[in-house]
C-alpha atoms as a PDB file:
ATOM      1  CA  MET A   1      -5.883   4.449  -4.587  1.00  0.00           C
ATOM      2  CA  LYS A   2      -9.315   3.112  -3.769  1.00  0.00           C
ATOM      3  CA  ALA A   3     -11.216   4.798  -0.908  1.00  0.00           C
ATOM      4  CA  VAL A   4     -12.222   2.326   1.759  1.00  0.00           C
ATOM      5  CA  CYS A   5     -15.382   2.572   3.777  1.00  0.00           C
ATOM      6  CA  GLU A   6     -14.736   2.613   7.618  1.00  0.00           C
ATOM      7  CA  THR A   7     -17.726   0.387   8.246  1.00  0.00           C
ATOM      8  CA  ARG A   8     -17.812  -2.066   5.418  1.00  0.00           C
ATOM      9  CA  PHE A   9     -15.347  -4.949   5.915  1.00  0.00           C
ATOM     10  CA  ILE A  10     -15.592  -6.184   2.288  1.00  0.00           C
ATOM     11  CA  GLU A  11     -14.441  -2.900   0.924  1.00  0.00           C
ATOM     12  CA  ARG A  12     -11.444  -2.877   3.133  1.00  0.00           C
ATOM     13  CA  HIS A  13     -10.581  -6.178   1.682  1.00  0.00           C
ATOM     14  CA  ASP A  14     -10.885  -4.892  -1.831  1.00  0.00           C
ATOM     15  CA  GLY A  15      -8.674  -1.794  -0.906  1.00  0.00           C
ATOM     16  CA  ASP A  16      -6.012  -3.937   0.756  1.00  0.00           C
ATOM     17  CA  LEU A  17      -5.818  -6.118  -2.183  1.00  0.00           C
ATOM     18  CA  GLN A  18      -5.683  -3.315  -4.650  1.00  0.00           C
ATOM     19  CA  PHE A  19      -2.990  -1.668  -2.592  1.00  0.00           C
ATOM     20  CA  LEU A  20      -0.880  -4.814  -2.579  1.00  0.00           C
ATOM     21  CA  GLN A  21      -1.221  -5.222  -6.330  1.00  0.00           C
ATOM     22  CA  ASP A  22      -0.197  -1.515  -6.942  1.00  0.00           C
ATOM     23  CA  LEU A  23       2.527  -1.534  -4.308  1.00  0.00           C
ATOM     24  CA  PRO A  24       5.379  -1.759  -6.907  1.00  0.00           C
ATOM     25  CA  SER A  25       3.953   1.055  -8.957  1.00  0.00           C
ATOM     26  CA  PHE A  26       3.649   3.182  -5.849  1.00  0.00           C
ATOM     27  CA  CYS A  27       7.488   2.447  -4.936  1.00  0.00           C
ATOM     28  CA  ASP A  28       8.617   3.311  -8.455  1.00  0.00           C
ATOM     29  CA  ALA A  29       6.755   6.615  -8.417  1.00  0.00           C
ATOM     30  CA  LEU A  30       8.280   7.534  -5.061  1.00  0.00           C
ATOM     31  CA  ASP A  31      11.668   6.569  -6.057  1.00  0.00           C
ATOM     32  CA  GLU A  32      11.356   8.736  -9.059  1.00  0.00           C
ATOM     33  CA  LYS A  33      10.140  11.632  -6.990  1.00  0.00           C
ATOM     34  CA  ALA A  34      13.086  11.061  -4.483  1.00  0.00           C
ATOM     35  CA  GLY A  35      15.387  12.338  -7.196  1.00  0.00           C
ATOM     36  CA  TRP A  36      13.683  15.615  -7.647  1.00  0.00           C
ATOM     37  CA  ARG A  37      15.545  18.808  -6.998  1.00  0.00           C
ATOM     38  CA  ASP A  38      12.877  20.001  -4.361  1.00  0.00           C
ATOM     39  CA  SER A  39      14.561  18.754  -1.182  1.00  0.00           C
ATOM     40  CA  VAL A  40      11.197  18.796   0.808  1.00  0.00           C
ATOM     41  CA  THR A  41       9.366  16.613  -1.814  1.00  0.00           C
ATOM     42  CA  ALA A  42      12.433  14.386  -2.229  1.00  0.00           C
ATOM     43  CA  GLY A  43      12.746  13.890   1.383  1.00  0.00           C
ATOM     44  CA  LYS A  44       9.213  12.889   2.022  1.00  0.00           C
ATOM     45  CA  ALA A  45       9.224  10.477  -1.007  1.00  0.00           C
ATOM     46  CA  THR A  46      12.275   8.859   0.281  1.00  0.00           C
ATOM     47  CA  VAL A  47      10.888   8.386   3.804  1.00  0.00           C
ATOM     48  CA  LEU A  48       7.549   6.987   2.377  1.00  0.00           C
ATOM     49  CA  SER A  49       9.315   4.758   0.042  1.00  0.00           C
ATOM     50  CA  VAL A  50      11.497   3.235   2.850  1.00  0.00           C
ATOM     51  CA  SER A  51       8.303   2.755   5.010  1.00  0.00           C
ATOM     52  CA  LEU A  52       6.521   0.985   2.337  1.00  0.00           C
ATOM     53  CA  GLN A  53       9.523  -1.371   1.806  1.00  0.00           C
ATOM     54  CA  GLU A  54      10.014  -2.133   5.495  1.00  0.00           C
ATOM     55  CA  GLN A  55       9.725  -5.924   6.338  1.00  0.00           C
ATOM     56  CA  ASN A  56       7.013  -5.547   8.988  1.00  0.00           C
ATOM     57  CA  PHE A  57       4.871  -3.603   6.563  1.00  0.00           C
ATOM     58  CA  VAL A  58       5.247  -6.053   3.785  1.00  0.00           C
ATOM     59  CA  VAL A  59       4.562  -9.061   6.002  1.00  0.00           C
ATOM     60  CA  THR A  60       1.492  -7.438   7.296  1.00  0.00           C
ATOM     61  CA  LEU A  61       0.197  -6.633   3.716  1.00  0.00           C
ATOM     62  CA  VAL A  62       0.879 -10.222   2.698  1.00  0.00           C
ATOM     63  CA  CYS A  63      -1.001 -11.583   5.726  1.00  0.00           C
ATOM     64  CA  LEU A  64      -3.909  -9.405   4.753  1.00  0.00           C
ATOM     65  CA  SER A  65      -3.915 -10.835   1.383  1.00  0.00           C
ATOM     66  CA  VAL A  66      -3.992 -14.294   2.749  1.00  0.00           C
ATOM     67  CA  LEU A  67      -7.065 -13.271   4.706  1.00  0.00           C
ATOM     68  CA  SER A  68      -8.607 -12.541   1.243  1.00  0.00           C
ATOM     69  CA  LEU A  69      -9.477 -16.269   1.201  1.00  0.00           C
ATOM     70  CA  THR A  70     -12.216 -15.236   3.613  1.00  0.00           C
ATOM     71  CA  LEU A  71     -13.679 -12.713   1.198  1.00  0.00           C
ATOM     72  CA  VAL A  72     -16.118 -15.182  -0.321  1.00  0.00           C
ATOM     73  CA  LEU A  73     -17.367 -15.999   3.132  1.00  0.00           C
ATOM     74  CA  SER A  74     -17.739 -12.251   3.904  1.00  0.00           C
ATOM     75  CA  ARG A  75     -19.857 -11.649   0.783  1.00  0.00           C
END
């Protein structure tokens, strides 16, 4: 994941867009870890995977991607 600067708006745009693009890969990796024998790791992976797939989170992420239209103006 790309680190984002707290003070530079443009870098936040880039980080959000990269996260949206990589979200399916993150979910696949977490689903794989959810099947591990280590119950602590599997539990944390399950909770995080469910959180990433919640409707509110996905809608917010898509709204941020729509705001990417302003990226050209920001630069």
